[in-house]
């Protein structure tokens, strides 16, 4: 009698896998770029919205010692355009006659009303047990 040998399927070569190195390089480069952007955002000081001149900086340092708040004024530049004969102003534009006198701007600072002083509040102490029951 011959012993039965198990039947083996023919050997298949292993399937070829795609190369992962290009994707690893792309993810690594993206990670380095994100890390450098975060580091730059943390290290660099924030930029102000408008540039500050030296005289404004000195004035702000002088007023920092005073406890009263100072109002912030935004100065927008005014562009004057002289129209040629036959031209019309765009819609919404203010038209000033050339023979009109120069306008004068007067700025009046009105101090804000003083805030009322609140009375000191006494803390309310609530005693409880470990289970959360309130002790009278």
Protein backbone atom coordinates (compact mmCIF):
# COMPACT_ATOMS: atom_id res chain seq x y z
CA UNK A 1 0.00 0.00 0.00
CA UNK A 2 1.15 3.40 -0.84
CA UNK A 3 0.57 6.32 1.45
CA UNK A 4 -1.49 9.11 0.01
CA UNK A 5 0.34 12.30 -0.42
CA UNK A 6 -1.60 15.59 -0.21
CA UNK A 7 -2.09 17.33 -3.52
CA UNK A 8 -0.42 20.74 -3.61
CA UNK A 9 -1.56 23.47 -5.92
CA UNK A 10 1.09 24.78 -8.25
CA UNK A 11 3.26 27.45 -6.62
CA UNK A 12 2.34 31.00 -7.61
CA UNK A 13 4.93 33.73 -7.57
CA UNK A 14 4.11 36.47 -4.98
CA UNK A 15 2.23 39.48 -6.34
CA UNK A 16 4.35 42.53 -6.98
CA UNK A 17 3.52 45.43 -4.68
CA UNK A 18 3.75 49.06 -5.74
CA UNK A 19 6.78 51.01 -4.56
CA UNK A 20 5.88 53.10 -1.48
CA UNK A 21 8.98 55.32 -1.51
CA UNK A 22 7.58 58.14 -3.73
CA UNK A 23 4.51 58.56 -1.50
CA UNK A 24 6.66 58.43 1.63
CA UNK A 25 8.85 61.19 0.21
CA UNK A 26 5.81 63.33 -0.67
CA UNK A 27 4.29 62.91 2.81
CA UNK A 28 7.64 63.67 4.42
CA UNK A 29 8.09 66.86 2.38
CA UNK A 30 4.54 67.96 3.21
CA UNK A 31 5.15 67.33 6.90
CA UNK A 32 8.35 69.37 6.86
CA UNK A 33 6.57 72.25 5.08
CA UNK A 34 3.72 72.21 7.62
CA UNK A 35 6.16 72.12 10.53
CA UNK A 36 8.15 75.07 9.19
CA UNK A 37 4.94 77.10 8.65
CA UNK A 38 3.81 76.42 12.22
CA UNK A 39 7.24 77.29 13.60
CA UNK A 40 7.28 80.56 11.66
CA UNK A 41 3.80 81.47 12.89
CA UNK A 42 4.82 80.83 16.49
CA UNK A 43 8.20 82.58 16.38
CA UNK A 44 7.38 85.71 14.33
CA UNK A 45 5.64 88.58 16.16
CA UNK A 46 2.21 89.61 14.86
CA UNK A 47 2.09 92.45 12.36
CA UNK A 48 0.03 95.54 13.04
CA UNK A 49 -2.70 96.52 10.59
CA UNK A 50 -1.25 99.98 9.93
CA UNK A 51 2.40 101.06 10.05
CA UNK A 52 3.31 103.12 13.11
CA UNK A 53 5.51 106.18 12.69
CA UNK A 54 8.17 107.17 15.22
CA UNK A 55 6.14 110.12 16.56
CA UNK A 56 3.04 107.94 17.06
CA UNK A 57 5.17 105.35 18.83
CA UNK A 58 6.59 108.00 21.19
CA UNK A 59 3.10 109.39 21.85
CA UNK A 60 1.74 105.92 22.62
CA UNK A 61 4.63 105.30 25.04
CA UNK A 62 3.95 108.62 26.77
CA UNK A 63 0.24 107.87 27.13
CA UNK A 64 0.84 104.30 28.38
CA UNK A 65 1.76 105.68 31.80
CA UNK A 66 -1.68 107.34 32.06
CA UNK A 67 -4.54 105.07 33.15
CA UNK A 68 -7.16 106.82 30.98
CA UNK A 69 -8.00 105.07 27.69
CA UNK A 70 -7.08 106.86 24.49
CA UNK A 71 -9.31 106.63 21.43
CA UNK A 72 -7.87 105.09 18.29
CA UNK A 73 -8.38 107.14 15.14
CA UNK A 74 -8.11 105.76 11.66
CA UNK A 75 -6.96 108.29 9.08
CA UNK A 76 -7.91 107.39 5.53
CA UNK A 77 -6.10 109.20 2.75
CA UNK A 78 -8.28 111.34 0.50
CA UNK A 79 -7.57 111.20 -3.22
CA UNK A 80 -8.45 114.31 -5.17
CA UNK A 81 -8.86 113.90 -8.91
CA UNK A 82 -9.30 116.79 -11.30
CA UNK A 83 -11.77 115.93 -14.04
CA UNK A 84 -11.07 116.94 -17.60
CA UNK A 85 -13.72 118.85 -19.51
CA UNK A 86 -16.55 116.49 -20.47
CA UNK A 87 -15.74 113.89 -17.79
CA UNK A 88 -18.24 112.99 -15.09
CA UNK A 89 -17.59 111.76 -11.58
CA UNK A 90 -18.20 108.08 -10.82
CA UNK A 91 -21.40 107.20 -8.97
CA UNK A 92 -21.16 107.82 -5.21
CA UNK A 93 -18.22 110.23 -5.51
CA UNK A 94 -18.34 113.59 -3.78
CA UNK A 95 -17.88 116.45 -6.23
CA UNK A 96 -16.16 119.57 -4.88
CA UNK A 97 -16.23 122.77 -6.87
CA UNK A 98 -12.74 124.07 -7.61
CA UNK A 99 -13.68 127.58 -6.39
CA UNK A 100 -15.03 126.27 -3.05
CA UNK A 101 -12.99 126.96 0.11
CA UNK A 102 -10.92 124.18 1.66
CA UNK A 103 -12.96 122.24 4.24
CA UNK A 104 -11.82 122.31 7.87
CA UNK A 105 -12.08 119.23 10.10
CA UNK A 106 -12.58 119.74 13.83
CA UNK A 107 -12.04 116.76 16.14
CA UNK A 108 -13.65 116.89 19.57
CA UNK A 109 -12.83 114.18 22.12
CA UNK A 110 -15.65 113.45 24.54
CA UNK A 111 -14.59 111.38 27.54
CA UNK A 112 -16.59 108.24 28.25
CA UNK A 113 -18.72 108.22 31.42
CA UNK A 114 -17.03 106.68 34.43
CA UNK A 115 -18.08 103.12 35.21
CA UNK A 116 -19.91 102.73 38.53
CA UNK A 117 -17.93 100.88 41.16
CA UNK A 118 -19.45 97.55 42.09
CA UNK A 119 -19.78 96.59 45.74
CA UNK A 120 -17.53 93.76 46.86
CA UNK A 121 -19.36 90.47 46.68
CA UNK A 122 -19.04 87.96 49.49
CA UNK A 123 -18.44 84.42 48.31
CA UNK A 124 -21.20 81.86 48.94
CA UNK A 125 -19.86 78.69 50.52
CA UNK A 126 -21.83 75.51 49.94
CA UNK A 127 -20.83 72.52 52.04
CA UNK A 128 -21.49 69.08 50.61
CA UNK A 129 -20.71 65.50 51.52
CA UNK A 130 -18.71 63.19 49.30
CA UNK A 131 -21.90 61.90 47.71
CA UNK A 132 -23.00 65.46 46.85
CA UNK A 133 -25.65 66.01 49.52
CA UNK A 134 -25.81 69.62 50.70
CA UNK A 135 -25.10 70.09 54.42
CA UNK A 136 -27.22 72.87 55.98
